[in-house]
Amino acid sequence: MLRKVFWEDPYLAHLDTEVASVDGDAVTLAATIIYAFSGGQESDQGSIGGHEVLDARKMGADILYTLAPDHGLVQGQKVATTIDWARRYRLMRLHFAAEIVLELVYRDLGPIEKIGAHIAADKARIDFARATPVTPELPALTARANAIIADDLPITSAFSDESVGRRFWQVPGFEPVPCGGTHLKRTGEVGPVTLKRRNIGKGKERIEIFLGELA
């Protein structure tokens, strides 16, 4: 089974591992730090054996990495893997900012249905089914999110069921939240956030999340 080191240490940017299988331009690894798109969080950008990863996608419990056709890697080969750490860290910060905002929306604006989410390196977004604009609630929502961040709370991230790869995160004051993404160690790492409302159609509301500068 693939060892997903990005769960064990999401701050690791380099890992020596082994090619588990090769099928044309697609390879799998024995262990990996290269996260594949899941739960709205974009895939990492990185390399395997010096070859750029063009695509990363989940295949059951495994991850399939697409490289250029002339990569030349073979099964059992020892390889170095790397990720774009600056991008990963922004994804981690925006991911957790979105998690905080989502839980606050559920708590303070519910009942409400999330209908979509996306975490990119420049911003995060969460889409909801809602008949009325969230604009009036944004200032208070922003203040509550930034208060949690400023409190610099410890973040627990662990398995709820390791046999099926089910994970969760939790901070003091919140119930455990199922999530298989890469998580920060403390809420303070997110830094200040700004929330904006976007109209994406009748009965739909989007909250966009932007990062400020870390102190």
C-alpha atoms as a PDB file:
ATOM      1  CA  MET A   1       0.000   0.000   0.000  1.00  0.00           C
ATOM      2  CA  LEU A   2       1.207   3.502  -0.833  1.00  0.00           C
ATOM      3  CA  ARG A   3       2.717   5.289   2.147  1.00  0.00           C
ATOM      4  CA  LYS A   4       1.323   8.821   2.069  1.00  0.00           C
ATOM      5  CA  VAL A   5       4.074  10.764   3.748  1.00  0.00           C
ATOM      6  CA  PHE A   6       2.238  14.060   3.124  1.00  0.00           C
ATOM      7  CA  TRP A   7      -0.022  12.956   5.979  1.00  0.00           C
ATOM      8  CA  GLU A   8       2.852  11.987   8.272  1.00  0.00           C
ATOM      9  CA  ASP A   9       4.791  15.209   7.634  1.00  0.00           C
ATOM     10  CA  PRO A  10       3.060  17.749   5.378  1.00  0.00           C
ATOM     11  CA  TYR A  11       6.071  20.079   5.790  1.00  0.00           C
ATOM     12  CA  LEU A  12       8.434  17.665   4.000  1.00  0.00           C
ATOM     13  CA  ALA A  13       9.496  18.950   0.569  1.00  0.00           C
ATOM     14  CA  HIS A  14      11.957  16.184  -0.433  1.00  0.00           C
ATOM     15  CA  LEU A  15      11.649  12.412  -0.172  1.00  0.00           C
ATOM     16  CA  ASP A  16      13.783   9.542  -1.467  1.00  0.00           C
ATOM     17  CA  THR A  17      11.544   6.660  -2.456  1.00  0.00           C
ATOM     18  CA  GLU A  18      11.131   3.866  -5.026  1.00  0.00           C
ATOM     19  CA  VAL A  19       9.108   3.477  -8.209  1.00  0.00           C
ATOM     20  CA  ALA A  20       6.382   0.925  -7.488  1.00  0.00           C
ATOM     21  CA  SER A  21       5.050   0.519 -11.039  1.00  0.00           C
ATOM     22  CA  VAL A  22       5.391   1.944 -14.545  1.00  0.00           C
ATOM     23  CA  ASP A  23       2.738   1.917 -17.257  1.00  0.00           C
ATOM     24  CA  GLY A  24       3.838   4.119 -20.137  1.00  0.00           C
ATOM     25  CA  ASP A  25       3.898   7.700 -18.918  1.00  0.00           C
ATOM     26  CA  ALA A  26       2.159   6.783 -15.637  1.00  0.00           C
ATOM     27  CA  VAL A  27       4.078   5.766 -12.516  1.00  0.00           C
ATOM     28  CA  THR A  28       3.244   4.921  -8.928  1.00  0.00           C
ATOM     29  CA  LEU A  29       5.533   5.179  -5.924  1.00  0.00           C
ATOM     30  CA  ALA A  30       6.186   3.181  -2.761  1.00  0.00           C
ATOM     31  CA  ALA A  31       5.917   6.371  -0.708  1.00  0.00           C
ATOM     32  CA  THR A  32       5.040   9.917  -1.667  1.00  0.00           C
ATOM     33  CA  ILE A  33       4.949  13.538  -0.566  1.00  0.00           C
ATOM     34  CA  ILE A  34       3.154  14.665  -3.770  1.00  0.00           C
ATOM     35  CA  TYR A  35      -0.500  15.297  -2.948  1.00  0.00           C
ATOM     36  CA  ALA A  36      -3.131  14.547  -5.601  1.00  0.00           C
ATOM     37  CA  PHE A  37      -6.270  16.671  -6.100  1.00  0.00           C
ATOM     38  CA  SER A  38      -8.863  15.754  -3.490  1.00  0.00           C
ATOM     39  CA  GLY A  39     -11.542  17.497  -1.477  1.00  0.00           C
ATOM     40  CA  GLY A  40     -11.136  20.608  -3.596  1.00  0.00           C
ATOM     41  CA  GLN A  41      -7.410  21.011  -2.806  1.00  0.00           C
ATOM     42  CA  GLU A  42      -5.289  21.233  -5.944  1.00  0.00           C
ATOM     43  CA  SER A  43      -2.480  18.750  -6.593  1.00  0.00           C
ATOM     44  CA  ASP A  44       1.077  19.599  -5.663  1.00  0.00           C
ATOM     45  CA  GLN A  45       3.548  20.604  -8.329  1.00  0.00           C
ATOM     46  CA  GLY A  46       6.718  18.548  -8.118  1.00  0.00           C
ATOM     47  CA  SER A  47       9.099  16.087  -9.700  1.00  0.00           C
ATOM     48  CA  ILE A  48       9.955  12.388  -9.609  1.00  0.00           C
ATOM     49  CA  GLY A  49      13.514  11.424 -10.444  1.00  0.00           C
ATOM     50  CA  GLY A  50      14.039  14.889 -11.929  1.00  0.00           C
ATOM     51  CA  HIS A  51      10.973  14.601 -14.179  1.00  0.00           C
ATOM     52  CA  GLU A  52       8.136  17.080 -13.776  1.00  0.00           C
ATOM     53  CA  VAL A  53       4.841  15.633 -12.591  1.00  0.00           C
ATOM     54  CA  LEU A  54       2.313  16.650 -15.251  1.00  0.00           C
ATOM     55  CA  ASP A  55      -0.706  15.226 -13.458  1.00  0.00           C
ATOM     56  CA  ALA A  56      -1.483  13.520 -10.157  1.00  0.00           C
ATOM     57  CA  ARG A  57      -4.740  11.692  -9.571  1.00  0.00           C
ATOM     58  CA  LYS A  58      -6.136   9.326  -6.988  1.00  0.00           C
ATOM     59  CA  MET A  59      -6.708   5.729  -8.062  1.00  0.00           C
ATOM     60  CA  GLY A  60      -8.413   4.053  -5.115  1.00  0.00           C
ATOM     61  CA  ALA A  61      -5.878   4.031  -2.296  1.00  0.00           C
ATOM     62  CA  ASP A  62      -3.018   4.750  -4.727  1.00  0.00           C
ATOM     63  CA  ILE A  63      -1.898   7.853  -6.613  1.00  0.00           C
ATOM     64  CA  LEU A  64      -1.057   7.779 -10.321  1.00  0.00           C
ATOM     65  CA  TYR A  65       1.531  10.294 -11.506  1.00  0.00           C
ATOM     66  CA  THR A  66       1.820  11.246 -15.172  1.00  0.00           C
ATOM     67  CA  LEU A  67       5.271  12.181 -16.483  1.00  0.00           C
ATOM     68  CA  ALA A  68       6.583  13.009 -19.950  1.00  0.00           C
ATOM     69  CA  PRO A  69       6.625   9.843 -22.136  1.00  0.00           C
ATOM     70  CA  ASP A  70      10.449   9.789 -22.288  1.00  0.00           C
ATOM     71  CA  HIS A  71      10.916   9.666 -18.496  1.00  0.00           C
ATOM     72  CA  GLY A  72      12.836   6.361 -18.616  1.00  0.00           C
ATOM     73  CA  LEU A  73      11.965   5.304 -15.059  1.00  0.00           C
ATOM     74  CA  VAL A  74      11.633   1.599 -14.268  1.00  0.00           C
ATOM     75  CA  GLN A  75       9.961  -0.396 -11.511  1.00  0.00           C
ATOM     76  CA  GLY A  76      12.150  -0.672  -8.412  1.00  0.00           C
ATOM     77  CA  GLN A  77      14.264   2.356  -9.293  1.00  0.00           C
ATOM     78  CA  LYS A  78      15.319   4.612  -6.436  1.00  0.00           C
ATOM     79  CA  VAL A  79      14.189   8.175  -7.072  1.00  0.00           C
ATOM     80  CA  ALA A  80      14.169  11.545  -5.366  1.00  0.00           C
ATOM     81  CA  THR A  81      10.825  13.316  -5.219  1.00  0.00           C
ATOM     82  CA  THR A  82      10.307  17.017  -4.571  1.00  0.00           C
ATOM     83  CA  ILE A  83       7.428  19.462  -4.320  1.00  0.00           C
ATOM     84  CA  ASP A  84       7.108  23.198  -4.831  1.00  0.00           C
ATOM     85  CA  TRP A  85       7.133  23.987  -1.113  1.00  0.00           C
ATOM     86  CA  ALA A  86       6.101  27.639  -1.370  1.00  0.00           C
ATOM     87  CA  ARG A  87       3.007  26.617  -3.323  1.00  0.00           C
ATOM     88  CA  ARG A  88       2.223  23.714  -0.966  1.00  0.00           C
ATOM     89  CA  TYR A  89       2.411  25.997   2.051  1.00  0.00           C
ATOM     90  CA  ARG A  90       0.001  28.502   0.500  1.00  0.00           C
ATOM     91  CA  LEU A  91      -2.358  25.625  -0.313  1.00  0.00           C
ATOM     92  CA  MET A  92      -2.138  24.412   3.287  1.00  0.00           C
ATOM     93  CA  ARG A  93      -2.834  27.899   4.634  1.00  0.00           C
ATOM     94  CA  LEU A  94      -5.775  28.499   2.278  1.00  0.00           C
ATOM     95  CA  HIS A  95      -7.101  24.998   2.878  1.00  0.00           C
ATOM     96  CA  PHE A  96      -7.269  25.505   6.602  1.00  0.00           C
ATOM     97  CA  ALA A  97      -8.657  29.008   6.230  1.00  0.00           C
ATOM     98  CA  ALA A  98     -11.460  27.473   4.164  1.00  0.00           C
ATOM     99  CA  GLU A  99     -11.999  24.770   6.783  1.00  0.00           C
ATOM    100  CA  ILE A 100     -12.376  27.381   9.528  1.00  0.00           C
ATOM    101  CA  VAL A 101     -14.770  29.479   7.448  1.00  0.00           C
ATOM    102  CA  LEU A 102     -16.855  26.449   6.515  1.00  0.00           C
ATOM    103  CA  GLU A 103     -17.252  25.327  10.120  1.00  0.00           C
ATOM    104  CA  LEU A 104     -18.212  28.851  11.183  1.00  0.00           C
ATOM    105  CA  VAL A 105     -20.785  29.046   8.378  1.00  0.00           C
ATOM    106  CA  TYR A 106     -22.289  25.738   9.484  1.00  0.00           C
ATOM    107  CA  ARG A 107     -22.361  26.904  13.096  1.00  0.00           C
ATOM    108  CA  ASP A 108     -23.541  30.485  12.625  1.00  0.00           C
ATOM    109  CA  LEU A 109     -25.450  30.578   9.323  1.00  0.00           C
ATOM    110  CA  GLY A 110     -26.950  27.090   9.192  1.00  0.00           C
ATOM    111  CA  PRO A 111     -28.805  25.136   8.157  1.00  0.00           C
ATOM    112  CA  ILE A 112     -26.894  25.559   4.909  1.00  0.00           C
ATOM    113  CA  GLU A 113     -25.640  23.193   2.202  1.00  0.00           C
ATOM    114  CA  LYS A 114     -22.132  23.302   0.762  1.00  0.00           C
ATOM    115  CA  ILE A 115     -22.309  22.604  -2.984  1.00  0.00           C
ATOM    116  CA  GLY A 116     -18.689  23.104  -3.994  1.00  0.00           C
ATOM    117  CA  ALA A 117     -15.186  24.128  -2.976  1.00  0.00           C
ATOM    118  CA  HIS A 118     -11.802  24.750  -4.547  1.00  0.00           C
ATOM    119  CA  ILE A 119      -8.412  25.456  -2.986  1.00  0.00           C
ATOM    120  CA  ALA A 120      -5.863  27.038  -5.306  1.00  0.00           C
ATOM    121  CA  ALA A 121      -2.594  28.804  -4.492  1.00  0.00           C
ATOM    122  CA  ASP A 122      -4.056  32.293  -4.947  1.00  0.00           C
ATOM    123  CA  LYS A 123      -7.412  31.916  -3.195  1.00  0.00           C
ATOM    124  CA  ALA A 124      -9.949  29.441  -1.872  1.00  0.00           C
ATOM    125  CA  ARG A 125     -13.678  29.387  -2.494  1.00  0.00           C
ATOM    126  CA  ILE A 126     -16.682  27.683  -0.942  1.00  0.00           C
ATOM    127  CA  ASP A 127     -20.077  27.547  -2.659  1.00  0.00           C
ATOM    128  CA  PHE A 128     -23.381  27.234  -0.829  1.00  0.00           C
ATOM    129  CA  ALA A 129     -27.028  26.753  -1.705  1.00  0.00           C
ATOM    130  CA  ARG A 130     -28.650  29.850  -0.208  1.00  0.00           C
ATOM    131  CA  ALA A 131     -31.500  32.070  -1.329  1.00  0.00           C
ATOM    132  CA  THR A 132     -30.198  35.284   0.275  1.00  0.00           C
ATOM    133  CA  PRO A 133     -26.779  36.971  -0.013  1.00  0.00           C
ATOM    134  CA  VAL A 134     -24.204  36.305   2.698  1.00  0.00           C
ATOM    135  CA  THR A 135     -22.917  39.884   2.407  1.00  0.00           C
ATOM    136  CA  PRO A 136     -24.429  41.144   5.703  1.00  0.00           C
ATOM    137  CA  GLU A 137     -22.791  38.308   7.643  1.00  0.00           C
ATOM    138  CA  LEU A 138     -19.308  38.621   6.119  1.00  0.00           C
ATOM    139  CA  PRO A 139     -17.808  41.204   8.529  1.00  0.00           C
ATOM    140  CA  ALA A 140     -18.700  39.135  11.613  1.00  0.00           C
ATOM    141  CA  LEU A 141     -17.666  35.898   9.880  1.00  0.00           C
ATOM    142  CA  THR A 142     -14.318  37.425   8.929  1.00  0.00           C
ATOM    143  CA  ALA A 143     -13.745  38.661  12.478  1.00  0.00           C
ATOM    144  CA  ARG A 144     -14.522  35.247  13.995  1.00  0.00           C
ATOM    145  CA  ALA A 145     -12.245  33.443  11.532  1.00  0.00           C
ATOM    146  CA  ASN A 146      -9.381  35.859  12.198  1.00  0.00           C
ATOM    147  CA  ALA A 147      -9.877  35.507  15.947  1.00  0.00           C
ATOM    148  CA  ILE A 148      -9.439  31.723  15.712  1.00  0.00           C
ATOM    149  CA  ILE A 149      -6.342  32.238  13.579  1.00  0.00           C
ATOM    150  CA  ALA A 150      -4.899  34.854  15.959  1.00  0.00           C
ATOM    151  CA  ASP A 151      -5.420  32.501  18.914  1.00  0.00           C
ATOM    152  CA  ASP A 152      -2.762  30.262  17.321  1.00  0.00           C
ATOM    153  CA  LEU A 153      -4.570  27.091  18.367  1.00  0.00           C
ATOM    154  CA  PRO A 154      -2.948  23.661  17.955  1.00  0.00           C
ATOM    155  CA  ILE A 155      -4.336  21.591  15.074  1.00  0.00           C
ATOM    156  CA  THR A 156      -4.701  17.850  15.520  1.00  0.00           C
ATOM    157  CA  SER A 157      -4.654  15.814  12.302  1.00  0.00           C
ATOM    158  CA  ALA A 158      -4.863  12.034  12.503  1.00  0.00           C
ATOM    159  CA  PHE A 159      -6.591   8.865  11.354  1.00  0.00           C
ATOM    160  CA  SER A 160     -10.130   8.130  12.415  1.00  0.00           C
ATOM    161  CA  ASP A 161      -9.894   4.781  10.553  1.00  0.00           C
ATOM    162  CA  GLU A 162      -6.418   3.965   9.264  1.00  0.00           C
ATOM    163  CA  SER A 163      -7.566   0.772   7.503  1.00  0.00           C
ATOM    164  CA  VAL A 164      -9.504   2.832   4.944  1.00  0.00           C
ATOM    165  CA  GLY A 165      -7.358   5.981   5.078  1.00  0.00           C
ATOM    166  CA  ARG A 166     -10.029   8.082   6.782  1.00  0.00           C
ATOM    167  CA  ARG A 167      -8.642  11.155   8.549  1.00  0.00           C
ATOM    168  CA  PHE A 168      -9.840  14.180  10.506  1.00  0.00           C
ATOM    169  CA  TRP A 169      -8.687  17.492  11.906  1.00  0.00           C
ATOM    170  CA  GLN A 170      -9.650  19.187  15.146  1.00  0.00           C
ATOM    171  CA  VAL A 171      -8.889  22.374  17.036  1.00  0.00           C
ATOM    172  CA  PRO A 172     -10.106  23.306  20.527  1.00  0.00           C
ATOM    173  CA  GLY A 173     -13.710  24.456  20.360  1.00  0.00           C
ATOM    174  CA  PHE A 174     -14.593  22.385  17.285  1.00  0.00           C
ATOM    175  CA  GLU A 175     -15.822  18.848  16.888  1.00  0.00           C
ATOM    176  CA  PRO A 176     -13.575  16.537  14.783  1.00  0.00           C
ATOM    177  CA  VAL A 177     -13.955  17.307  11.066  1.00  0.00           C
ATOM    178  CA  PRO A 178     -13.388  14.552   8.444  1.00  0.00           C
ATOM    179  CA  CYS A 179     -10.684  15.632   5.993  1.00  0.00           C
ATOM    180  CA  GLY A 180      -7.838  13.950   4.113  1.00  0.00           C
ATOM    181  CA  GLY A 181      -5.948  17.085   3.129  1.00  0.00           C
ATOM    182  CA  THR A 182      -2.592  18.424   4.285  1.00  0.00           C
ATOM    183  CA  HIS A 183      -2.848  20.402   7.518  1.00  0.00           C
ATOM    184  CA  LEU A 184      -0.903  23.032   9.379  1.00  0.00           C
ATOM    185  CA  LYS A 185       0.337  22.559  12.927  1.00  0.00           C
ATOM    186  CA  ARG A 186      -1.301  25.705  14.327  1.00  0.00           C
ATOM    187  CA  THR A 187      -4.056  28.064  13.230  1.00  0.00           C
ATOM    188  CA  GLY A 188      -1.705  31.049  13.493  1.00  0.00           C
ATOM    189  CA  GLU A 189       0.148  29.837  10.400  1.00  0.00           C
ATOM    190  CA  VAL A 190      -2.856  30.781   8.252  1.00  0.00           C
ATOM    191  CA  GLY A 191      -2.271  34.486   8.784  1.00  0.00           C
ATOM    192  CA  PRO A 192      -5.003  37.119   8.420  1.00  0.00           C
ATOM    193  CA  VAL A 193      -7.736  36.395   5.900  1.00  0.00           C
ATOM    194  CA  THR A 194     -10.156  38.491   3.867  1.00  0.00           C
ATOM    195  CA  LEU A 195     -13.547  37.169   2.760  1.00  0.00           C
ATOM    196  CA  LYS A 196     -15.474  38.322  -0.298  1.00  0.00           C
ATOM    197  CA  ARG A 197     -18.904  37.369  -1.561  1.00  0.00           C
ATOM    198  CA  ARG A 198     -19.461  36.504  -5.225  1.00  0.00           C
ATOM    199  CA  ASN A 199     -22.801  36.035  -6.959  1.00  0.00           C
ATOM    200  CA  ILE A 200     -22.661  32.817  -9.012  1.00  0.00           C
ATOM    201  CA  GLY A 201     -26.356  32.453  -9.830  1.00  0.00           C
ATOM    202  CA  LYS A 202     -29.787  32.349  -8.335  1.00  0.00           C
ATOM    203  CA  GLY A 203     -29.912  30.392  -5.099  1.00  0.00           C
ATOM    204  CA  LYS A 204     -26.108  30.089  -4.944  1.00  0.00           C
ATOM    205  CA  GLU A 205     -23.601  31.977  -2.830  1.00  0.00           C
ATOM    206  CA  ARG A 206     -19.801  31.904  -3.061  1.00  0.00           C
ATOM    207  CA  ILE A 207     -17.375  32.996  -0.359  1.00  0.00           C
ATOM    208  CA  GLU A 208     -13.861  33.667  -1.624  1.00  0.00           C
ATOM    209  CA  ILE A 209     -10.968  33.562   0.830  1.00  0.00           C
ATOM    210  CA  PHE A 210      -7.721  35.500   0.409  1.00  0.00           C
ATOM    211  CA  LEU A 211      -4.568  35.411   2.511  1.00  0.00           C
ATOM    212  CA  GLY A 212      -2.873  38.403   4.049  1.00  0.00           C
ATOM    213  CA  GLU A 213       0.804  38.577   4.908  1.00  0.00           C
ATOM    214  CA  LEU A 214       2.207  36.499   7.749  1.00  0.00           C
ATOM    215  CA  ALA A 215       3.653  38.554  10.578  1.00  0.00           C
END
